[in-house]
């Protein structure tokens, strides 16, 4: 599969509510995740813990989500995905978070992902 097809499959699984299944399938063991604020997580274990924390402590209710745009630079193994989620947090605040993820792929898995977003 191309990197674009892998990214589309990743976000399709996430759209079905299978975030952890998508993560386990499409992220390399030694992945590096860089948040918009510069915080960096190295390795699948650190990112898995961050995803579980986000689902457990940041999301009380999920109202929707989707992909606005997705593209790939196959020559350089990079995909770029514009996505959004509409959530209510545990404090009862509802907001829409929009982000762009730039993903570097190797052997069908993400080895680096950098996020660009503003938190409401």
PDB file of N, CA and C in Angstrom:
ATOM      1  N   UNK A   1       0.847  -1.187   0.000  1.00  0.00           N
ATOM      2  CA  UNK A   1       0.000   0.000   0.000  1.00  0.00           C
ATOM      3  C   UNK A   1       0.879   1.231   0.000  1.00  0.00           C
ATOM      4  N   UNK A   2       0.371   2.291  -0.611  1.00  0.00           N
ATOM      5  CA  UNK A   2       1.087   3.566  -0.607  1.00  0.00           C
ATOM      6  C   UNK A   2       0.954   4.222   0.768  1.00  0.00           C
ATOM      7  N   UNK A   3       1.786   5.221   1.016  1.00  0.00           N
ATOM      8  CA  UNK A   3       1.674   5.966   2.271  1.00  0.00           C
ATOM      9  C   UNK A   3       0.309   6.641   2.375  1.00  0.00           C
ATOM     10  N   UNK A   4      -0.190   7.156   1.264  1.00  0.00           N
ATOM     11  CA  UNK A   4      -1.508   7.798   1.263  1.00  0.00           C
ATOM     12  C   UNK A   4      -2.587   6.789   1.648  1.00  0.00           C
ATOM     13  N   UNK A   5      -2.524   5.598   1.071  1.00  0.00           N
ATOM     14  CA  UNK A   5      -3.511   4.566   1.404  1.00  0.00           C
ATOM     15  C   UNK A   5      -3.409   4.150   2.874  1.00  0.00           C
ATOM     16  N   UNK A   6      -2.183   4.066   3.389  1.00  0.00           N
ATOM     17  CA  UNK A   6      -2.007   3.748   4.805  1.00  0.00           C
ATOM     18  C   UNK A   6      -2.608   4.834   5.691  1.00  0.00           C
ATOM     19  N   UNK A   7      -2.358   6.097   5.354  1.00  0.00           N
ATOM     20  CA  UNK A   7      -2.911   7.209   6.139  1.00  0.00           C
ATOM     21  C   UNK A   7      -4.435   7.199   6.078  1.00  0.00           C
ATOM     22  N   UNK A   8      -4.985   6.942   4.907  1.00  0.00           N
ATOM     23  CA  UNK A   8      -6.442   6.879   4.772  1.00  0.00           C
ATOM     24  C   UNK A   8      -7.010   5.742   5.616  1.00  0.00           C
ATOM     25  N   UNK A   9      -6.332   4.608   5.634  1.00  0.00           N
ATOM     26  CA  UNK A   9      -6.781   3.471   6.434  1.00  0.00           C
ATOM     27  C   UNK A   9      -6.682   3.791   7.929  1.00  0.00           C
ATOM     28  N   UNK A  10      -5.606   4.449   8.329  1.00  0.00           N
ATOM     29  CA  UNK A  10      -5.426   4.870   9.723  1.00  0.00           C
ATOM     30  C   UNK A  10      -6.585   5.740  10.179  1.00  0.00           C
ATOM     31  N   UNK A  11      -6.915   6.771   9.392  1.00  0.00           N
ATOM     32  CA  UNK A  11      -7.977   7.690   9.795  1.00  0.00           C
ATOM     33  C   UNK A  11      -9.360   7.071   9.638  1.00  0.00           C
ATOM     34  N   UNK A  12      -9.500   6.106   8.751  1.00  0.00           N
ATOM     35  CA  UNK A  12     -10.763   5.388   8.643  1.00  0.00           C
ATOM     36  C   UNK A  12     -11.024   4.592   9.922  1.00  0.00           C
ATOM     37  N   UNK A  13     -10.000   3.892  10.400  1.00  0.00           N
ATOM     38  CA  UNK A  13     -10.143   3.150  11.661  1.00  0.00           C
ATOM     39  C   UNK A  13     -10.466   4.098  12.811  1.00  0.00           C
ATOM     40  N   UNK A  14      -9.783   5.234  12.862  1.00  0.00           N
ATOM     41  CA  UNK A  14     -10.049   6.198  13.928  1.00  0.00           C
ATOM     42  C   UNK A  14     -11.481   6.712  13.844  1.00  0.00           C
ATOM     43  N   UNK A  15     -11.976   6.925  12.632  1.00  0.00           N
ATOM     44  CA  UNK A  15     -13.345   7.381  12.440  1.00  0.00           C
ATOM     45  C   UNK A  15     -14.376   6.362  12.901  1.00  0.00           C
ATOM     46  N   UNK A  16     -13.974   5.097  12.944  1.00  0.00           N
ATOM     47  CA  UNK A  16     -14.848   4.027  13.431  1.00  0.00           C
ATOM     48  C   UNK A  16     -14.729   3.849  14.944  1.00  0.00           C
ATOM     49  N   UNK A  17     -13.960   4.744  15.592  1.00  0.00           N
ATOM     50  CA  UNK A  17     -13.777   4.642  17.031  1.00  0.00           C
ATOM     51  C   UNK A  17     -12.720   3.631  17.446  1.00  0.00           C
ATOM     52  N   UNK A  18     -11.857   3.244  16.520  1.00  0.00           N
ATOM     53  CA  UNK A  18     -10.827   2.237  16.779  1.00  0.00           C
ATOM     54  C   UNK A  18      -9.442   2.882  16.847  1.00  0.00           C
ATOM     55  N   UNK A  19      -9.323   3.915  17.703  1.00  0.00           N
ATOM     56  CA  UNK A  19      -8.080   4.663  17.781  1.00  0.00           C
ATOM     57  C   UNK A  19      -6.899   3.780  18.185  1.00  0.00           C
ATOM     58  N   UNK A  20      -7.070   2.952  19.190  1.00  0.00           N
ATOM     59  CA  UNK A  20      -5.949   2.136  19.657  1.00  0.00           C
ATOM     60  C   UNK A  20      -5.581   1.053  18.645  1.00  0.00           C
ATOM     61  N   UNK A  21      -6.566   0.493  17.964  1.00  0.00           N
ATOM     62  CA  UNK A  21      -6.277  -0.487  16.917  1.00  0.00           C
ATOM     63  C   UNK A  21      -5.477   0.165  15.792  1.00  0.00           C
ATOM     64  N   UNK A  22      -5.870   1.369  15.404  1.00  0.00           N
ATOM     65  CA  UNK A  22      -5.152   2.109  14.364  1.00  0.00           C
ATOM     66  C   UNK A  22      -3.727   2.403  14.816  1.00  0.00           C
ATOM     67  N   UNK A  23      -3.586   2.830  16.065  1.00  0.00           N
ATOM     68  CA  UNK A  23      -2.267   3.134  16.605  1.00  0.00           C
ATOM     69  C   UNK A  23      -1.372   1.898  16.569  1.00  0.00           C
ATOM     70  N   UNK A  24      -1.858   0.788  17.065  1.00  0.00           N
ATOM     71  CA  UNK A  24      -1.045  -0.431  17.128  1.00  0.00           C
ATOM     72  C   UNK A  24      -0.614  -0.888  15.733  1.00  0.00           C
ATOM     73  N   UNK A  25      -1.465  -0.705  14.759  1.00  0.00           N
ATOM     74  CA  UNK A  25      -1.168  -1.167  13.401  1.00  0.00           C
ATOM     75  C   UNK A  25      -0.210  -0.241  12.654  1.00  0.00           C
ATOM     76  N   UNK A  26      -0.358   1.074  12.838  1.00  0.00           N
ATOM     77  CA  UNK A  26       0.326   2.015  11.954  1.00  0.00           C
ATOM     78  C   UNK A  26       1.468   2.818  12.579  1.00  0.00           C
ATOM     79  N   UNK A  27       1.825   2.564  13.822  1.00  0.00           N
ATOM     80  CA  UNK A  27       2.936   3.295  14.437  1.00  0.00           C
ATOM     81  C   UNK A  27       4.089   2.345  14.730  1.00  0.00           C
ATOM     82  N   UNK A  28       5.299   2.766  14.372  1.00  0.00           N
ATOM     83  CA  UNK A  28       6.503   1.973  14.606  1.00  0.00           C
ATOM     84  C   UNK A  28       6.846   1.962  16.093  1.00  0.00           C
ATOM     85  N   UNK A  29       7.533   0.921  16.529  1.00  0.00           N
ATOM     86  CA  UNK A  29       7.938   0.804  17.932  1.00  0.00           C
ATOM     87  C   UNK A  29       8.777   1.992  18.385  1.00  0.00           C
ATOM     88  N   UNK A  30       9.617   2.515  17.515  1.00  0.00           N
ATOM     89  CA  UNK A  30      10.503   3.619  17.885  1.00  0.00           C
ATOM     90  C   UNK A  30      10.010   4.970  17.350  1.00  0.00           C
ATOM     91  N   UNK A  31       8.694   5.115  17.227  1.00  0.00           N
ATOM     92  CA  UNK A  31       8.125   6.357  16.702  1.00  0.00           C
ATOM     93  C   UNK A  31       8.464   7.549  17.601  1.00  0.00           C
ATOM     94  N   UNK A  32       8.455   8.721  16.988  1.00  0.00           N
ATOM     95  CA  UNK A  32       8.658   9.976  17.708  1.00  0.00           C
ATOM     96  C   UNK A  32       7.457  10.862  17.415  1.00  0.00           C
ATOM     97  N   UNK A  33       6.818  11.369  18.467  1.00  0.00           N
ATOM     98  CA  UNK A  33       5.634  12.205  18.342  1.00  0.00           C
ATOM     99  C   UNK A  33       5.982  13.584  18.894  1.00  0.00           C
ATOM    100  N   UNK A  34       5.738  14.621  18.077  1.00  0.00           N
ATOM    101  CA  UNK A  34       6.070  15.984  18.473  1.00  0.00           C
ATOM    102  C   UNK A  34       4.782  16.802  18.494  1.00  0.00           C
ATOM    103  N   UNK A  35       4.417  17.282  19.669  1.00  0.00           N
ATOM    104  CA  UNK A  35       3.216  18.107  19.819  1.00  0.00           C
ATOM    105  C   UNK A  35       3.494  19.535  19.349  1.00  0.00           C
ATOM    106  N   UNK A  36       2.433  20.305  19.162  1.00  0.00           N
ATOM    107  CA  UNK A  36       2.556  21.681  18.694  1.00  0.00           C
ATOM    108  C   UNK A  36       3.367  22.550  19.650  1.00  0.00           C
ATOM    109  N   UNK A  37       3.337  22.210  20.932  1.00  0.00           N
ATOM    110  CA  UNK A  37       4.088  22.989  21.922  1.00  0.00           C
ATOM    111  C   UNK A  37       5.546  22.542  22.045  1.00  0.00           C
ATOM    112  N   UNK A  38       5.952  21.571  21.235  1.00  0.00           N
ATOM    113  CA  UNK A  38       7.323  21.080  21.257  1.00  0.00           C
ATOM    114  C   UNK A  38       7.534  19.848  22.121  1.00  0.00           C
ATOM    115  N   UNK A  39       6.546  19.499  22.947  1.00  0.00           N
ATOM    116  CA  UNK A  39       6.659  18.285  23.761  1.00  0.00           C
ATOM    117  C   UNK A  39       6.875  17.092  22.844  1.00  0.00           C
ATOM    118  N   UNK A  40       7.835  16.252  23.189  1.00  0.00           N
ATOM    119  CA  UNK A  40       8.174  15.106  22.348  1.00  0.00           C
ATOM    120  C   UNK A  40       8.051  13.818  23.147  1.00  0.00           C
ATOM    121  N   UNK A  41       7.432  12.826  22.516  1.00  0.00           N
ATOM    122  CA  UNK A  41       7.354  11.488  23.096  1.00  0.00           C
ATOM    123  C   UNK A  41       8.118  10.549  22.174  1.00  0.00           C
ATOM    124  N   UNK A  42       8.932   9.700  22.773  1.00  0.00           N
ATOM    125  CA  UNK A  42       9.733   8.762  21.983  1.00  0.00           C
ATOM    126  C   UNK A  42       9.316   7.333  22.313  1.00  0.00           C
ATOM    127  N   UNK A  43       8.983   6.620  21.284  1.00  0.00           N
ATOM    128  CA  UNK A  43       8.626   5.218  21.445  1.00  0.00           C
ATOM    129  C   UNK A  43       7.126   4.997  21.563  1.00  0.00           C
ATOM    130  N   UNK A  44       6.737   3.824  21.168  1.00  0.00           N
ATOM    131  CA  UNK A  44       5.326   3.457  21.138  1.00  0.00           C
ATOM    132  C   UNK A  44       4.713   3.414  22.532  1.00  0.00           C
ATOM    133  N   UNK A  45       5.487   2.996  23.534  1.00  0.00           N
ATOM    134  CA  UNK A  45       4.958   2.921  24.898  1.00  0.00           C
ATOM    135  C   UNK A  45       4.558   4.297  25.417  1.00  0.00           C
ATOM    136  N   UNK A  46       5.410   5.317  25.189  1.00  0.00           N
ATOM    137  CA  UNK A  46       5.091   6.674  25.644  1.00  0.00           C
ATOM    138  C   UNK A  46       3.864   7.219  24.926  1.00  0.00           C
ATOM    139  N   UNK A  47       3.779   6.980  23.619  1.00  0.00           N
ATOM    140  CA  UNK A  47       2.632   7.489  22.863  1.00  0.00           C
ATOM    141  C   UNK A  47       1.358   6.748  23.235  1.00  0.00           C
ATOM    142  N   UNK A  48       1.453   5.456  23.460  1.00  0.00           N
ATOM    143  CA  UNK A  48       0.284   4.676  23.886  1.00  0.00           C
ATOM    144  C   UNK A  48      -0.259   5.235  25.201  1.00  0.00           C
ATOM    145  N   UNK A  49       0.623   5.503  26.147  1.00  0.00           N
ATOM    146  CA  UNK A  49       0.215   6.057  27.442  1.00  0.00           C
ATOM    147  C   UNK A  49      -0.452   7.419  27.264  1.00  0.00           C
ATOM    148  N   UNK A  50       0.080   8.238  26.359  1.00  0.00           N
ATOM    149  CA  UNK A  50      -0.504   9.567  26.106  1.00  0.00           C
ATOM    150  C   UNK A  50      -1.891   9.445  25.489  1.00  0.00           C
ATOM    151  N   UNK A  51      -2.078   8.500  24.590  1.00  0.00           N
ATOM    152  CA  UNK A  51      -3.398   8.296  23.974  1.00  0.00           C
ATOM    153  C   UNK A  51      -4.415   7.803  24.997  1.00  0.00           C
ATOM    154  N   UNK A  52      -4.002   6.884  25.841  1.00  0.00           N
ATOM    155  CA  UNK A  52      -4.903   6.387  26.883  1.00  0.00           C
ATOM    156  C   UNK A  52      -5.262   7.514  27.844  1.00  0.00           C
ATOM    157  N   UNK A  53      -4.276   8.330  28.210  1.00  0.00           N
ATOM    158  CA  UNK A  53      -4.529   9.471  29.084  1.00  0.00           C
ATOM    159  C   UNK A  53      -5.515  10.437  28.432  1.00  0.00           C
ATOM    160  N   UNK A  54      -5.344  10.709  27.133  1.00  0.00           N
ATOM    161  CA  UNK A  54      -6.236  11.632  26.419  1.00  0.00           C
ATOM    162  C   UNK A  54      -7.668  11.084  26.425  1.00  0.00           C
ATOM    163  N   UNK A  55      -7.820   9.811  26.094  1.00  0.00           N
ATOM    164  CA  UNK A  55      -9.159   9.217  26.076  1.00  0.00           C
ATOM    165  C   UNK A  55      -9.791   9.193  27.466  1.00  0.00           C
ATOM    166  N   UNK A  56      -8.988   8.960  28.494  1.00  0.00           N
ATOM    167  CA  UNK A  56      -9.486   8.808  29.859  1.00  0.00           C
ATOM    168  C   UNK A  56      -9.727  10.141  30.557  1.00  0.00           C
ATOM    169  N   UNK A  57      -8.797  11.074  30.403  1.00  0.00           N
ATOM    170  CA  UNK A  57      -8.827  12.310  31.192  1.00  0.00           C
ATOM    171  C   UNK A  57      -9.207  13.569  30.434  1.00  0.00           C
ATOM    172  N   UNK A  58      -9.252  13.504  29.122  1.00  0.00           N
ATOM    173  CA  UNK A  58      -9.567  14.707  28.337  1.00  0.00           C
ATOM    174  C   UNK A  58     -10.925  14.638  27.647  1.00  0.00           C
ATOM    175  N   UNK A  59     -11.442  13.437  27.457  1.00  0.00           N
ATOM    176  CA  UNK A  59     -12.666  13.276  26.676  1.00  0.00           C
ATOM    177  C   UNK A  59     -13.749  12.635  27.533  1.00  0.00           C
ATOM    178  N   UNK A  60     -14.784  13.418  27.817  1.00  0.00           N
ATOM    179  CA  UNK A  60     -15.958  12.866  28.492  1.00  0.00           C
ATOM    180  C   UNK A  60     -16.930  12.320  27.454  1.00  0.00           C
ATOM    181  N   UNK A  61     -17.069  13.060  26.354  1.00  0.00           N
ATOM    182  CA  UNK A  61     -17.989  12.650  25.289  1.00  0.00           C
ATOM    183  C   UNK A  61     -17.439  13.086  23.938  1.00  0.00           C
ATOM    184  N   UNK A  62     -17.502  12.188  22.974  1.00  0.00           N
ATOM    185  CA  UNK A  62     -17.069  12.480  21.612  1.00  0.00           C
ATOM    186  C   UNK A  62     -18.311  12.728  20.770  1.00  0.00           C
ATOM    187  N   UNK A  63     -18.350  13.886  20.107  1.00  0.00           N
ATOM    188  CA  UNK A  63     -19.510  14.250  19.299  1.00  0.00           C
ATOM    189  C   UNK A  63     -19.287  14.041  17.805  1.00  0.00           C
ATOM    190  N   UNK A  64     -18.041  13.927  17.409  1.00  0.00           N
ATOM    191  CA  UNK A  64     -17.763  13.719  15.991  1.00  0.00           C
ATOM    192  C   UNK A  64     -16.321  14.027  15.683  1.00  0.00           C
ATOM    193  N   UNK A  65     -15.962  13.769  14.460  1.00  0.00           N
ATOM    194  CA  UNK A  65     -14.608  14.030  13.995  1.00  0.00           C
ATOM    195  C   UNK A  65     -14.516  13.683  12.533  1.00  0.00           C
ATOM    196  N   UNK A  66     -13.440  14.102  11.922  1.00  0.00           N
ATOM    197  CA  UNK A  66     -13.279  13.795  10.513  1.00  0.00           C
ATOM    198  C   UNK A  66     -11.998  14.351   9.948  1.00  0.00           C
ATOM    199  N   UNK A  67     -11.827  14.094   8.678  1.00  0.00           N
ATOM    200  CA  UNK A  67     -10.659  14.546   7.940  1.00  0.00           C
ATOM    201  C   UNK A  67     -11.100  15.590   6.944  1.00  0.00           C
ATOM    202  N   UNK A  68     -10.447  16.761   6.992  1.00  0.00           N
ATOM    203  CA  UNK A  68     -10.739  17.812   6.029  1.00  0.00           C
ATOM    204  C   UNK A  68      -9.968  17.615   4.737  1.00  0.00           C
ATOM    205  N   UNK A  69      -8.692  17.257   4.862  1.00  0.00           N
ATOM    206  CA  UNK A  69      -7.837  17.051   3.697  1.00  0.00           C
ATOM    207  C   UNK A  69      -6.742  16.064   4.065  1.00  0.00           C
ATOM    208  N   UNK A  70      -6.296  15.329   3.072  1.00  0.00           N
ATOM    209  CA  UNK A  70      -5.207  14.377   3.273  1.00  0.00           C
ATOM    210  C   UNK A  70      -4.425  14.305   1.970  1.00  0.00           C
ATOM    211  N   UNK A  71      -3.106  14.334   2.087  1.00  0.00           N
ATOM    212  CA  UNK A  71      -2.266  14.289   0.897  1.00  0.00           C
ATOM    213  C   UNK A  71      -0.961  13.587   1.226  1.00  0.00           C
ATOM    214  N   UNK A  72      -0.185  13.261   0.197  1.00  0.00           N
ATOM    215  CA  UNK A  72       1.064  12.546   0.428  1.00  0.00           C
ATOM    216  C   UNK A  72       2.143  12.998  -0.548  1.00  0.00           C
ATOM    217  N   UNK A  73       3.360  12.978  -0.060  1.00  0.00           N
ATOM    218  CA  UNK A  73       4.576  13.118  -0.863  1.00  0.00           C
ATOM    219  C   UNK A  73       5.212  11.734  -0.829  1.00  0.00           C
ATOM    220  N   UNK A  74       4.823  10.885  -1.766  1.00  0.00           N
ATOM    221  CA  UNK A  74       5.261   9.490  -1.753  1.00  0.00           C
ATOM    222  C   UNK A  74       6.776   9.373  -1.906  1.00  0.00           C
ATOM    223  N   UNK A  75       7.378  10.254  -2.668  1.00  0.00           N
ATOM    224  CA  UNK A  75       8.828  10.209  -2.889  1.00  0.00           C
ATOM    225  C   UNK A  75       9.592  10.353  -1.573  1.00  0.00           C
ATOM    226  N   UNK A  76       9.100  11.193  -0.678  1.00  0.00           N
ATOM    227  CA  UNK A  76       9.761  11.444   0.596  1.00  0.00           C
ATOM    228  C   UNK A  76       9.081  10.758   1.784  1.00  0.00           C
ATOM    229  N   UNK A  77       8.102   9.884   1.504  1.00  0.00           N
ATOM    230  CA  UNK A  77       7.411   9.098   2.537  1.00  0.00           C
ATOM    231  C   UNK A  77       6.737   9.961   3.601  1.00  0.00           C
ATOM    232  N   UNK A  78       6.058  11.018   3.158  1.00  0.00           N
ATOM    233  CA  UNK A  78       5.398  11.944   4.072  1.00  0.00           C
ATOM    234  C   UNK A  78       3.916  12.056   3.707  1.00  0.00           C
ATOM    235  N   UNK A  79       3.068  12.029   4.736  1.00  0.00           N
ATOM    236  CA  UNK A  79       1.654  12.344   4.552  1.00  0.00           C
ATOM    237  C   UNK A  79       1.312  13.537   5.428  1.00  0.00           C
ATOM    238  N   UNK A  80       0.292  14.275   5.019  1.00  0.00           N
ATOM    239  CA  UNK A  80      -0.194  15.415   5.781  1.00  0.00           C
ATOM    240  C   UNK A  80      -1.700  15.293   5.882  1.00  0.00           C
ATOM    241  N   UNK A  81      -2.213  15.395   7.104  1.00  0.00           N
ATOM    242  CA  UNK A  81      -3.629  15.174   7.343  1.00  0.00           C
ATOM    243  C   UNK A  81      -4.194  16.330   8.157  1.00  0.00           C
ATOM    244  N   UNK A  82      -5.237  16.954   7.634  1.00  0.00           N
ATOM    245  CA  UNK A  82      -5.977  17.981   8.365  1.00  0.00           C
ATOM    246  C   UNK A  82      -7.205  17.286   8.944  1.00  0.00           C
ATOM    247  N   UNK A  83      -7.337  17.330  10.276  1.00  0.00           N
ATOM    248  CA  UNK A  83      -8.458  16.630  10.898  1.00  0.00           C
ATOM    249  C   UNK A  83      -9.048  17.463  12.031  1.00  0.00           C
ATOM    250  N   UNK A  84     -10.190  16.986  12.533  1.00  0.00           N
ATOM    251  CA  UNK A  84     -10.878  17.679  13.623  1.00  0.00           C
ATOM    252  C   UNK A  84     -11.619  16.672  14.492  1.00  0.00           C
ATOM    253  N   UNK A  85     -11.817  17.060  15.747  1.00  0.00           N
ATOM    254  CA  UNK A  85     -12.677  16.320  16.665  1.00  0.00           C
ATOM    255  C   UNK A  85     -13.523  17.317  17.442  1.00  0.00           C
ATOM    256  N   UNK A  86     -14.733  16.929  17.739  1.00  0.00           N
ATOM    257  CA  UNK A  86     -15.668  17.728  18.534  1.00  0.00           C
ATOM    258  C   UNK A  86     -15.912  16.936  19.810  1.00  0.00           C
ATOM    259  N   UNK A  87     -15.431  17.467  20.946  1.00  0.00           N
ATOM    260  CA  UNK A  87     -15.520  16.733  22.205  1.00  0.00           C
ATOM    261  C   UNK A  87     -16.070  17.609  23.326  1.00  0.00           C
ATOM    262  N   UNK A  88     -16.537  16.942  24.354  1.00  0.00           N
ATOM    263  CA  UNK A  88     -16.816  17.587  25.641  1.00  0.00           C
ATOM    264  C   UNK A  88     -15.793  17.019  26.615  1.00  0.00           C
ATOM    265  N   UNK A  89     -15.098  17.919  27.334  1.00  0.00           N
ATOM    266  CA  UNK A  89     -14.095  17.458  28.291  1.00  0.00           C
ATOM    267  C   UNK A  89     -14.762  17.144  29.638  1.00  0.00           C
ATOM    268  N   UNK A  90     -14.034  16.581  30.574  1.00  0.00           N
ATOM    269  CA  UNK A  90     -14.633  16.214  31.871  1.00  0.00           C
ATOM    270  C   UNK A  90     -15.208  17.397  32.648  1.00  0.00           C
ATOM    271  N   UNK A  91     -14.770  18.622  32.354  1.00  0.00           N
ATOM    272  CA  UNK A  91     -15.302  19.807  33.019  1.00  0.00           C
ATOM    273  C   UNK A  91     -16.595  20.304  32.373  1.00  0.00           C
ATOM    274  N   UNK A  92     -17.048  19.606  31.326  1.00  0.00           N
ATOM    275  CA  UNK A  92     -18.295  19.965  30.668  1.00  0.00           C
ATOM    276  C   UNK A  92     -18.153  20.971  29.546  1.00  0.00           C
ATOM    277  N   UNK A  93     -16.937  21.335  29.190  1.00  0.00           N
ATOM    278  CA  UNK A  93     -16.708  22.292  28.097  1.00  0.00           C
ATOM    279  C   UNK A  93     -16.666  21.535  26.770  1.00  0.00           C
ATOM    280  N   UNK A  94     -17.454  22.003  25.827  1.00  0.00           N
ATOM    281  CA  UNK A  94     -17.465  21.394  24.497  1.00  0.00           C
ATOM    282  C   UNK A  94     -16.649  22.267  23.560  1.00  0.00           C
ATOM    283  N   UNK A  95     -15.792  21.628  22.770  1.00  0.00           N
ATOM    284  CA  UNK A  95     -15.014  22.387  21.803  1.00  0.00           C
ATOM    285  C   UNK A  95     -14.611  21.513  20.628  1.00  0.00           C
ATOM    286  N   UNK A  96     -14.268  22.200  19.546  1.00  0.00           N
ATOM    287  CA  UNK A  96     -13.796  21.547  18.334  1.00  0.00           C
ATOM    288  C   UNK A  96     -12.300  21.802  18.235  1.00  0.00           C
ATOM    289  N   UNK A  97     -11.542  20.730  18.161  1.00  0.00           N
ATOM    290  CA  UNK A  97     -10.096  20.830  18.013  1.00  0.00           C
ATOM    291  C   UNK A  97      -9.739  20.483  16.574  1.00  0.00           C
ATOM    292  N   UNK A  98      -8.983  21.378  15.945  1.00  0.00           N
ATOM    293  CA  UNK A  98      -8.526  21.145  14.578  1.00  0.00           C
ATOM    294  C   UNK A  98      -7.005  21.061  14.589  1.00  0.00           C
ATOM    295  N   UNK A  99      -6.463  20.154  13.781  1.00  0.00           N
ATOM    296  CA  UNK A  99      -5.017  19.996  13.731  1.00  0.00           C
ATOM    297  C   UNK A  99      -4.570  19.517  12.367  1.00  0.00           C
ATOM    298  N   UNK A 100      -3.283  19.700  12.126  1.00  0.00           N
ATOM    299  CA  UNK A 100      -2.624  19.120  10.968  1.00  0.00           C
ATOM    300  C   UNK A 100      -1.531  18.216  11.501  1.00  0.00           C
ATOM    301  N   UNK A 101      -1.473  17.003  10.994  1.00  0.00           N
ATOM    302  CA  UNK A 101      -0.428  16.053  11.350  1.00  0.00           C
ATOM    303  C   UNK A 101       0.453  15.832  10.126  1.00  0.00           C
ATOM    304  N   UNK A 102       1.749  15.959  10.313  1.00  0.00           N
ATOM    305  CA  UNK A 102       2.721  15.640   9.268  1.00  0.00           C
ATOM    306  C   UNK A 102       3.405  14.358   9.714  1.00  0.00           C
ATOM    307  N   UNK A 103       3.257  13.324   8.897  1.00  0.00           N
ATOM    308  CA  UNK A 103       3.704  11.982   9.280  1.00  0.00           C
ATOM    309  C   UNK A 103       4.782  11.485   8.328  1.00  0.00           C
ATOM    310  N   UNK A 104       5.857  10.964   8.904  1.00  0.00           N
ATOM    311  CA  UNK A 104       6.925  10.331   8.120  1.00  0.00           C
ATOM    312  C   UNK A 104       6.755   8.821   8.264  1.00  0.00           C
ATOM    313  N   UNK A 105       6.772   8.119   7.138  1.00  0.00           N
ATOM    314  CA  UNK A 105       6.496   6.690   7.103  1.00  0.00           C
ATOM    315  C   UNK A 105       7.729   5.888   6.719  1.00  0.00           C
ATOM    316  N   UNK A 106       7.781   4.673   7.231  1.00  0.00           N
ATOM    317  CA  UNK A 106       8.813   3.713   6.844  1.00  0.00           C
ATOM    318  C   UNK A 106       8.214   2.323   6.995  1.00  0.00           C
ATOM    319  N   UNK A 107       8.268   1.544   5.946  1.00  0.00           N
ATOM    320  CA  UNK A 107       7.753   0.169   5.967  1.00  0.00           C
ATOM    321  C   UNK A 107       6.299   0.089   6.437  1.00  0.00           C
ATOM    322  N   UNK A 108       5.480   1.047   5.993  1.00  0.00           N
ATOM    323  CA  UNK A 108       4.054   1.013   6.290  1.00  0.00           C
ATOM    324  C   UNK A 108       3.678   1.495   7.676  1.00  0.00           C
ATOM    325  N   UNK A 109       4.636   2.091   8.395  1.00  0.00           N
ATOM    326  CA  UNK A 109       4.343   2.597   9.735  1.00  0.00           C
ATOM    327  C   UNK A 109       4.897   4.009   9.910  1.00  0.00           C
ATOM    328  N   UNK A 110       4.273   4.748  10.807  1.00  0.00           N
ATOM    329  CA  UNK A 110       4.709   6.108  11.103  1.00  0.00           C
ATOM    330  C   UNK A 110       5.923   6.041  12.021  1.00  0.00           C
ATOM    331  N   UNK A 111       7.001   6.702  11.599  1.00  0.00           N
ATOM    332  CA  UNK A 111       8.198   6.764  12.434  1.00  0.00           C
ATOM    333  C   UNK A 111       8.326   8.132  13.113  1.00  0.00           C
ATOM    334  N   UNK A 112       7.670   9.141  12.531  1.00  0.00           N
ATOM    335  CA  UNK A 112       7.627  10.460  13.170  1.00  0.00           C
ATOM    336  C   UNK A 112       6.322  11.144  12.805  1.00  0.00           C
ATOM    337  N   UNK A 113       5.741  11.815  13.789  1.00  0.00           N
ATOM    338  CA  UNK A 113       4.504  12.566  13.565  1.00  0.00           C
ATOM    339  C   UNK A 113       4.615  13.882  14.315  1.00  0.00           C
ATOM    340  N   UNK A 114       4.358  14.957  13.590  1.00  0.00           N
ATOM    341  CA  UNK A 114       4.385  16.287  14.204  1.00  0.00           C
ATOM    342  C   UNK A 114       3.022  16.927  14.017  1.00  0.00           C
ATOM    343  N   UNK A 115       2.490  17.480  15.120  1.00  0.00           N
ATOM    344  CA  UNK A 115       1.174  18.092  15.109  1.00  0.00           C
ATOM    345  C   UNK A 115       1.281  19.620  15.118  1.00  0.00           C
ATOM    346  N   UNK A 116       0.358  20.244  14.403  1.00  0.00           N
ATOM    347  CA  UNK A 116       0.216  21.699  14.385  1.00  0.00           C
ATOM    348  C   UNK A 116      -1.230  22.002  14.731  1.00  0.00           C
ATOM    349  N   UNK A 117      -1.442  22.745  15.835  1.00  0.00           N
ATOM    350  CA  UNK A 117      -2.791  23.083  16.270  1.00  0.00           C
ATOM    351  C   UNK A 117      -2.746  24.222  17.273  1.00  0.00           C
ATOM    352  N   UNK A 118      -3.907  24.815  17.513  1.00  0.00           N
ATOM    353  CA  UNK A 118      -4.129  25.748  18.604  1.00  0.00           C
ATOM    354  C   UNK A 118      -5.220  25.150  19.455  1.00  0.00           C
ATOM    355  N   UNK A 119      -4.978  25.031  20.748  1.00  0.00           N
ATOM    356  CA  UNK A 119      -6.025  24.518  21.647  1.00  0.00           C
ATOM    357  C   UNK A 119      -6.971  25.648  22.019  1.00  0.00           C
ATOM    358  N   UNK A 120      -8.283  25.404  21.909  1.00  0.00           N
ATOM    359  CA  UNK A 120      -9.248  26.438  22.303  1.00  0.00           C
ATOM    360  C   UNK A 120      -9.199  26.699  23.805  1.00  0.00           C
TER     361      UNK A 120
END
